[in-house]
Amino acid sequence: MSREIVRDRAGRVLGWYEDNGISGRINARDASGRWIGFYDKKLNETRDPGGRLLAKGNVLPSLIFRP
């Protein structure tokens, strides 16, 4: 599982993405490590932790950069 850390301009961690190649999902977590959503590569959908559809396509950055 590869991890990509997202930082702001000052170098503070805002969150990260974890790509699980087996399931075809990219999970997003905030700076506290809370799961904030996932992108399903096979279905091309982004969903929240409850499984509700947020958008078609990958909009995980909008979850991490949310104020």
Protein backbone atom coordinates (compact mmCIF):
# COMPACT_ATOMS: atom_id res chain seq x y z
CA MET A 1 0.00 0.00 0.00
CA SER A 2 1.57 3.27 -1.09
CA ARG A 3 1.00 6.48 0.85
CA GLU A 4 1.13 10.04 -0.47
CA ILE A 5 1.31 12.73 2.21
CA VAL A 6 -0.36 16.08 1.45
CA ARG A 7 1.23 19.17 3.03
CA ASP A 8 0.46 22.87 3.00
CA ARG A 9 2.99 25.55 2.01
CA ALA A 10 4.39 25.67 5.55
CA GLY A 11 5.04 21.92 5.48
CA ARG A 12 2.23 20.95 7.87
CA VAL A 13 0.53 17.64 7.13
CA LEU A 14 -3.05 18.14 5.91
CA GLY A 15 -3.73 14.47 5.27
CA TRP A 16 -2.73 11.60 3.03
CA TYR A 17 -3.88 9.15 0.39
CA GLU A 18 -3.39 5.40 0.64
CA ASP A 19 -3.63 3.43 -2.59
CA ASN A 20 -4.70 -0.15 -2.02
CA GLY A 21 -3.93 -1.79 -5.35
CA ILE A 22 -5.79 -4.97 -4.44
CA SER A 23 -9.21 -3.41 -3.75
CA GLY A 24 -8.90 -0.69 -6.40
CA ARG A 25 -9.56 2.04 -3.85
CA ILE A 26 -7.66 5.13 -2.77
CA ASN A 27 -8.49 6.05 0.83
CA ALA A 28 -8.14 9.61 2.11
CA ARG A 29 -7.36 10.53 5.72
CA ASP A 30 -7.13 13.91 7.40
CA ALA A 31 -4.19 15.13 9.49
CA SER A 32 -5.61 13.36 12.56
CA GLY A 33 -5.77 10.05 10.72
CA ARG A 34 -9.58 10.00 10.44
CA TRP A 35 -10.91 8.33 7.33
CA ILE A 36 -12.66 11.03 5.26
CA GLY A 37 -13.54 9.17 2.08
CA PHE A 38 -12.39 6.98 -0.77
CA TYR A 39 -12.11 6.89 -4.53
CA ASP A 40 -13.07 3.66 -6.29
CA LYS A 41 -10.95 3.40 -9.43
CA LYS A 42 -13.11 0.71 -11.02
CA LEU A 43 -16.36 2.67 -10.67
CA ASN A 44 -14.73 6.12 -11.04
CA GLU A 45 -16.60 7.37 -7.95
CA THR A 46 -15.66 9.26 -4.78
CA ARG A 47 -17.61 8.35 -1.65
CA ASP A 48 -17.69 9.54 1.96
CA PRO A 49 -17.00 7.21 4.92
CA GLY A 50 -20.71 6.28 5.06
CA GLY A 51 -20.62 5.12 1.44
CA ARG A 52 -22.65 8.03 0.06
CA LEU A 53 -21.72 9.09 -3.46
CA LEU A 54 -20.00 12.50 -3.49
CA ALA A 55 -19.02 12.73 -7.16
CA LYS A 56 -18.13 10.85 -10.29
CA GLY A 57 -14.36 11.02 -10.69
CA ASN A 58 -11.62 11.56 -8.12
CA VAL A 59 -12.37 14.55 -5.86
CA LEU A 60 -10.34 13.38 -2.84
CA PRO A 61 -8.24 16.58 -2.82
CA SER A 62 -11.41 18.57 -2.11
CA LEU A 63 -11.93 16.47 1.03
CA ILE A 64 -8.40 17.02 2.33
CA PHE A 65 -8.26 20.74 1.46
CA ARG A 66 -11.69 21.44 2.99
CA PRO A 67 -11.39 24.33 5.52
